[in-house]
Amino acid sequence: MSETTDMDKLNFGFGFSLAIIAILNALLTVGKEEISAVKDFAVSIGSLVGISHHWVGHGILMILLFIVLGFVFSQATISDYFIKKFSFDQRRLLLLIVISVIIGIGIIGGFFFMLAFLG
């Protein structure tokens, strides 16, 4: 019994976008804690929908970036390049997503660990 691992362009584009967003989300979380301008930027994005809170802006920014990057990476020239050059299939993309999520968790967890115990 053979299992197919062929990659669709949309699967690749949005999977790759998810891997990037997992890390960007962690960096934005840390950035909002450390740099007031980043937190103010997130508040201003939230204000666009009438809720002036940094987590609302954070969520909006991450969702928009996920969608935009998903469509960008789904373009034939980009997705074909990555799929062929790096032999991307469903398993490799899933591994990339899992590693990116673990890195994101490590960034946030490490930052708050340092604040709680070292800072």
N, C-alpha and C. Protein backbone atom coordinates (compact mmCIF):
# COMPACT_ATOMS: atom_id res chain seq x y z
N MET A 1 0.85 -1.17 0.00
CA MET A 1 0.00 0.00 0.00
C MET A 1 0.90 1.24 0.00
N SER A 2 0.79 2.04 -1.05
CA SER A 2 1.62 3.23 -1.20
C SER A 2 0.81 4.47 -0.86
N GLU A 3 1.42 5.35 -0.12
CA GLU A 3 0.76 6.58 0.27
C GLU A 3 1.34 7.73 -0.55
N THR A 4 0.46 8.51 -1.21
CA THR A 4 0.93 9.61 -2.04
C THR A 4 1.29 10.82 -1.17
N THR A 5 2.35 11.47 -1.56
CA THR A 5 2.77 12.66 -0.83
C THR A 5 2.92 13.86 -1.76
N ASP A 6 2.26 13.82 -2.92
CA ASP A 6 2.33 14.94 -3.85
C ASP A 6 1.81 16.20 -3.19
N MET A 7 2.38 17.31 -3.61
CA MET A 7 2.07 18.58 -2.97
C MET A 7 1.30 19.49 -3.92
N ASP A 8 0.17 19.96 -3.46
CA ASP A 8 -0.62 20.96 -4.17
C ASP A 8 -0.02 22.34 -3.88
N LYS A 9 -0.12 23.26 -4.83
CA LYS A 9 0.47 24.59 -4.64
C LYS A 9 -0.15 25.35 -3.46
N LEU A 10 -1.46 25.24 -3.29
CA LEU A 10 -2.11 25.91 -2.15
C LEU A 10 -1.71 25.26 -0.84
N ASN A 11 -1.61 23.94 -0.82
CA ASN A 11 -1.15 23.26 0.40
C ASN A 11 0.24 23.74 0.78
N PHE A 12 1.12 23.80 -0.21
CA PHE A 12 2.47 24.27 0.07
C PHE A 12 2.45 25.72 0.53
N GLY A 13 1.76 26.58 -0.20
CA GLY A 13 1.76 28.01 0.10
C GLY A 13 1.27 28.32 1.50
N PHE A 14 0.14 27.74 1.87
CA PHE A 14 -0.41 28.04 3.19
C PHE A 14 0.28 27.27 4.30
N GLY A 15 0.83 26.10 4.01
CA GLY A 15 1.62 25.38 5.00
C GLY A 15 2.92 26.12 5.30
N PHE A 16 3.57 26.61 4.26
CA PHE A 16 4.80 27.37 4.44
C PHE A 16 4.51 28.68 5.17
N SER A 17 3.38 29.29 4.83
CA SER A 17 2.96 30.51 5.52
C SER A 17 2.75 30.23 7.00
N LEU A 18 2.12 29.13 7.33
CA LEU A 18 1.91 28.76 8.74
C LEU A 18 3.23 28.61 9.47
N ALA A 19 4.21 27.99 8.83
CA ALA A 19 5.52 27.81 9.47
C ALA A 19 6.16 29.17 9.76
N ILE A 20 6.05 30.10 8.84
CA ILE A 20 6.62 31.44 9.05
C ILE A 20 5.85 32.19 10.13
N ILE A 21 4.53 32.11 10.09
CA ILE A 21 3.69 32.83 11.05
C ILE A 21 3.92 32.32 12.47
N ALA A 22 4.18 31.03 12.63
CA ALA A 22 4.42 30.49 13.97
C ALA A 22 5.61 31.19 14.63
N ILE A 23 6.63 31.48 13.85
CA ILE A 23 7.81 32.16 14.40
C ILE A 23 7.56 33.66 14.52
N LEU A 24 6.94 34.26 13.50
CA LEU A 24 6.65 35.70 13.57
C LEU A 24 5.72 36.04 14.73
N ASN A 25 4.78 35.16 15.02
CA ASN A 25 3.87 35.35 16.14
C ASN A 25 4.65 35.43 17.45
N ALA A 26 5.61 34.53 17.61
CA ALA A 26 6.44 34.54 18.83
C ALA A 26 7.27 35.80 18.91
N LEU A 27 7.86 36.20 17.79
CA LEU A 27 8.69 37.40 17.78
C LEU A 27 7.86 38.65 18.07
N LEU A 28 6.63 38.69 17.53
CA LEU A 28 5.76 39.83 17.81
C LEU A 28 5.35 39.85 19.28
N THR A 29 5.09 38.70 19.86
CA THR A 29 4.74 38.62 21.28
C THR A 29 5.87 39.18 22.14
N VAL A 30 7.08 38.75 21.87
CA VAL A 30 8.23 39.25 22.63
C VAL A 30 8.46 40.73 22.33
N GLY A 31 8.33 41.11 21.08
CA GLY A 31 8.52 42.51 20.70
C GLY A 31 7.56 43.45 21.40
N LYS A 32 6.32 43.01 21.55
CA LYS A 32 5.33 43.85 22.24
C LYS A 32 5.67 44.03 23.71
N GLU A 33 6.30 43.03 24.29
CA GLU A 33 6.68 43.11 25.70
C GLU A 33 7.89 44.02 25.92
N GLU A 34 8.77 44.07 24.95
CA GLU A 34 10.04 44.76 25.12
C GLU A 34 10.11 46.14 24.48
N ILE A 35 9.34 46.36 23.42
CA ILE A 35 9.44 47.61 22.66
C ILE A 35 8.06 48.27 22.62
N SER A 36 7.93 49.40 23.27
CA SER A 36 6.62 50.05 23.37
C SER A 36 6.07 50.45 22.00
N ALA A 37 6.94 50.79 21.04
CA ALA A 37 6.47 51.17 19.70
C ALA A 37 5.79 49.99 19.01
N VAL A 38 6.28 48.78 19.25
CA VAL A 38 5.66 47.59 18.66
C VAL A 38 4.28 47.37 19.27
N LYS A 39 4.17 47.53 20.58
CA LYS A 39 2.88 47.38 21.24
C LYS A 39 1.92 48.47 20.76
N ASP A 40 2.39 49.70 20.62
CA ASP A 40 1.56 50.79 20.13
C ASP A 40 1.08 50.51 18.70
N PHE A 41 1.95 49.92 17.89
CA PHE A 41 1.57 49.55 16.52
C PHE A 41 0.44 48.53 16.54
N ALA A 42 0.54 47.53 17.41
CA ALA A 42 -0.51 46.51 17.52
C ALA A 42 -1.81 47.13 18.01
N VAL A 43 -1.73 48.08 18.94
CA VAL A 43 -2.92 48.78 19.42
C VAL A 43 -3.56 49.55 18.28
N SER A 44 -2.74 50.21 17.45
CA SER A 44 -3.30 50.99 16.35
C SER A 44 -3.98 50.11 15.31
N ILE A 45 -3.46 48.92 15.09
CA ILE A 45 -4.13 47.99 14.16
C ILE A 45 -5.47 47.55 14.75
N GLY A 46 -5.50 47.27 16.05
CA GLY A 46 -6.76 46.92 16.70
C GLY A 46 -7.76 48.05 16.63
N SER A 47 -7.27 49.28 16.70
CA SER A 47 -8.15 50.46 16.62
C SER A 47 -8.88 50.53 15.29
N LEU A 48 -8.30 49.96 14.25
CA LEU A 48 -8.94 49.99 12.93
C LEU A 48 -10.29 49.27 12.94
N VAL A 49 -10.45 48.30 13.84
CA VAL A 49 -11.73 47.59 13.94
C VAL A 49 -12.52 48.03 15.16
N GLY A 50 -12.03 49.08 15.82
CA GLY A 50 -12.77 49.65 16.94
C GLY A 50 -12.44 49.09 18.30
N ILE A 51 -11.42 48.24 18.40
CA ILE A 51 -11.03 47.67 19.69
C ILE A 51 -9.55 47.98 19.89
N SER A 52 -9.26 48.95 20.74
CA SER A 52 -7.88 49.39 20.94
C SER A 52 -7.18 48.53 21.97
N HIS A 53 -6.82 47.33 21.58
CA HIS A 53 -6.08 46.44 22.45
C HIS A 53 -5.00 45.76 21.62
N HIS A 54 -3.82 45.61 22.20
CA HIS A 54 -2.70 45.06 21.44
C HIS A 54 -2.92 43.63 20.98
N TRP A 55 -3.69 42.83 21.74
CA TRP A 55 -3.92 41.45 21.30
C TRP A 55 -4.86 41.38 20.11
N VAL A 56 -5.78 42.32 20.01
CA VAL A 56 -6.66 42.36 18.84
C VAL A 56 -5.83 42.70 17.60
N GLY A 57 -5.00 43.73 17.72
CA GLY A 57 -4.13 44.09 16.61
C GLY A 57 -3.16 42.98 16.25
N HIS A 58 -2.64 42.31 17.25
CA HIS A 58 -1.74 41.17 17.05
C HIS A 58 -2.44 40.09 16.22
N GLY A 59 -3.65 39.74 16.63
CA GLY A 59 -4.40 38.71 15.92
C GLY A 59 -4.71 39.10 14.48
N ILE A 60 -5.14 40.34 14.29
CA ILE A 60 -5.45 40.82 12.93
C ILE A 60 -4.20 40.76 12.06
N LEU A 61 -3.09 41.23 12.58
CA LEU A 61 -1.85 41.23 11.82
C LEU A 61 -1.42 39.82 11.44
N MET A 62 -1.51 38.89 12.37
CA MET A 62 -1.09 37.52 12.08
C MET A 62 -2.01 36.86 11.04
N ILE A 63 -3.30 37.09 11.16
CA ILE A 63 -4.24 36.51 10.18
C ILE A 63 -4.00 37.08 8.79
N LEU A 64 -3.84 38.40 8.71
CA LEU A 64 -3.59 39.03 7.40
C LEU A 64 -2.27 38.55 6.79
N LEU A 65 -1.23 38.49 7.60
CA LEU A 65 0.06 38.00 7.10
C LEU A 65 -0.03 36.54 6.65
N PHE A 66 -0.76 35.72 7.40
CA PHE A 66 -0.94 34.32 7.02
C PHE A 66 -1.60 34.21 5.65
N ILE A 67 -2.65 34.99 5.44
CA ILE A 67 -3.37 34.93 4.16
C ILE A 67 -2.50 35.46 3.02
N VAL A 68 -1.88 36.62 3.22
CA VAL A 68 -1.05 37.20 2.16
C VAL A 68 0.12 36.28 1.82
N LEU A 69 0.85 35.83 2.84
CA LEU A 69 1.99 34.94 2.58
C LEU A 69 1.53 33.62 1.96
N GLY A 70 0.37 33.13 2.38
CA GLY A 70 -0.16 31.89 1.80
C GLY A 70 -0.38 32.01 0.31
N PHE A 71 -0.97 33.11 -0.11
CA PHE A 71 -1.19 33.31 -1.54
C PHE A 71 0.12 33.60 -2.29
N VAL A 72 1.03 34.33 -1.66
CA VAL A 72 2.33 34.60 -2.30
C VAL A 72 3.08 33.30 -2.53
N PHE A 73 3.17 32.46 -1.50
CA PHE A 73 3.90 31.20 -1.64
C PHE A 73 3.15 30.17 -2.48
N SER A 74 1.88 30.41 -2.77
CA SER A 74 1.11 29.50 -3.63
C SER A 74 1.31 29.79 -5.10
N GLN A 75 1.95 30.92 -5.42
CA GLN A 75 2.20 31.24 -6.82
C GLN A 75 3.06 30.15 -7.45
N ALA A 76 2.76 29.83 -8.70
CA ALA A 76 3.40 28.69 -9.36
C ALA A 76 4.92 28.78 -9.36
N THR A 77 5.47 29.94 -9.64
CA THR A 77 6.93 30.02 -9.72
C THR A 77 7.58 29.80 -8.35
N ILE A 78 6.98 30.34 -7.31
CA ILE A 78 7.56 30.20 -5.97
C ILE A 78 7.36 28.78 -5.45
N SER A 79 6.13 28.27 -5.52
CA SER A 79 5.87 26.93 -4.98
C SER A 79 6.63 25.87 -5.76
N ASP A 80 6.67 25.98 -7.08
CA ASP A 80 7.43 25.00 -7.87
C ASP A 80 8.91 25.01 -7.51
N TYR A 81 9.45 26.20 -7.30
CA TYR A 81 10.86 26.32 -6.94
C TYR A 81 11.13 25.58 -5.63
N PHE A 82 10.36 25.88 -4.59
CA PHE A 82 10.59 25.24 -3.29
C PHE A 82 10.32 23.74 -3.33
N ILE A 83 9.24 23.35 -3.99
CA ILE A 83 8.88 21.93 -4.04
C ILE A 83 9.97 21.13 -4.75
N LYS A 84 10.48 21.67 -5.86
CA LYS A 84 11.50 20.93 -6.61
C LYS A 84 12.90 21.08 -6.00
N LYS A 85 13.28 22.29 -5.65
CA LYS A 85 14.63 22.55 -5.15
C LYS A 85 14.90 21.84 -3.82
N PHE A 86 13.90 21.85 -2.92
CA PHE A 86 14.08 21.27 -1.59
C PHE A 86 13.30 19.98 -1.40
N SER A 87 12.81 19.40 -2.50
CA SER A 87 12.06 18.14 -2.47
C SER A 87 10.93 18.17 -1.45
N PHE A 88 10.18 19.26 -1.43
CA PHE A 88 9.08 19.38 -0.47
C PHE A 88 7.96 18.42 -0.85
N ASP A 89 7.51 17.66 0.12
CA ASP A 89 6.30 16.88 0.00
C ASP A 89 5.50 17.14 1.27
N GLN A 90 4.38 16.45 1.43
CA GLN A 90 3.51 16.71 2.59
C GLN A 90 4.22 16.43 3.91
N ARG A 91 4.99 15.38 3.95
CA ARG A 91 5.69 15.03 5.20
C ARG A 91 6.74 16.07 5.57
N ARG A 92 7.50 16.50 4.58
CA ARG A 92 8.54 17.50 4.85
C ARG A 92 7.91 18.83 5.28
N LEU A 93 6.79 19.20 4.65
CA LEU A 93 6.10 20.43 5.03
C LEU A 93 5.56 20.32 6.45
N LEU A 94 4.98 19.18 6.79
CA LEU A 94 4.48 18.97 8.14
C LEU A 94 5.61 19.06 9.16
N LEU A 95 6.74 18.47 8.84
CA LEU A 95 7.90 18.55 9.73
C LEU A 95 8.35 20.00 9.91
N LEU A 96 8.36 20.77 8.83
CA LEU A 96 8.71 22.19 8.91
C LEU A 96 7.74 22.94 9.82
N ILE A 97 6.45 22.66 9.68
CA ILE A 97 5.44 23.32 10.52
C ILE A 97 5.65 22.96 11.98
N VAL A 98 5.86 21.69 12.28
CA VAL A 98 6.06 21.26 13.67
C VAL A 98 7.31 21.90 14.26
N ILE A 99 8.40 21.92 13.50
CA ILE A 99 9.63 22.54 13.99
C ILE A 99 9.42 24.02 14.23
N SER A 100 8.71 24.70 13.33
CA SER A 100 8.46 26.14 13.49
C SER A 100 7.61 26.42 14.72
N VAL A 101 6.62 25.60 14.97
CA VAL A 101 5.78 25.78 16.16
C VAL A 101 6.61 25.56 17.42
N ILE A 102 7.46 24.56 17.42
CA ILE A 102 8.32 24.30 18.58
C ILE A 102 9.28 25.47 18.79
N ILE A 103 9.83 26.02 17.71
CA ILE A 103 10.71 27.20 17.84
C ILE A 103 9.92 28.37 18.40
N GLY A 104 8.70 28.59 17.91
CA GLY A 104 7.87 29.67 18.43
C GLY A 104 7.57 29.51 19.91
N ILE A 105 7.25 28.30 20.32
CA ILE A 105 7.01 28.03 21.74
C ILE A 105 8.28 28.28 22.54
N GLY A 106 9.42 27.87 21.99
CA GLY A 106 10.69 28.08 22.68
C GLY A 106 11.02 29.56 22.84
N ILE A 107 10.72 30.35 21.81
CA ILE A 107 10.99 31.79 21.89
C ILE A 107 10.14 32.43 22.99
N ILE A 108 8.84 32.16 22.97
CA ILE A 108 7.95 32.75 23.98
C ILE A 108 8.27 32.20 25.36
N GLY A 109 8.39 30.88 25.47
CA GLY A 109 8.68 30.27 26.76
C GLY A 109 10.01 30.72 27.33
N GLY A 110 11.03 30.78 26.47
CA GLY A 110 12.34 31.23 26.92
C GLY A 110 12.32 32.68 27.38
N PHE A 111 11.60 33.52 26.64
CA PHE A 111 11.52 34.93 27.02
C PHE A 111 10.85 35.09 28.39
N PHE A 112 9.71 34.44 28.58
CA PHE A 112 9.02 34.60 29.85
C PHE A 112 9.74 33.88 31.00
N PHE A 113 10.47 32.81 30.69
CA PHE A 113 11.30 32.18 31.71
C PHE A 113 12.38 33.14 32.18
N MET A 114 13.02 33.82 31.22
CA MET A 114 14.06 34.79 31.58
C MET A 114 13.47 35.93 32.40
N LEU A 115 12.28 36.39 32.03
CA LEU A 115 11.64 37.47 32.81
C LEU A 115 11.34 37.01 34.23
N ALA A 116 10.82 35.80 34.35
CA ALA A 116 10.38 35.32 35.66
C ALA A 116 11.55 34.95 36.57
N PHE A 117 12.59 34.35 36.02
CA PHE A 117 13.62 33.81 36.88
C PHE A 117 14.97 34.51 36.79
N LEU A 118 15.19 35.24 35.72
CA LEU A 118 16.50 35.87 35.55
C LEU A 118 16.41 37.39 35.51
N GLY A 119 15.23 37.90 35.31
CA GLY A 119 15.10 39.32 35.06
C GLY A 119 14.73 40.13 36.22
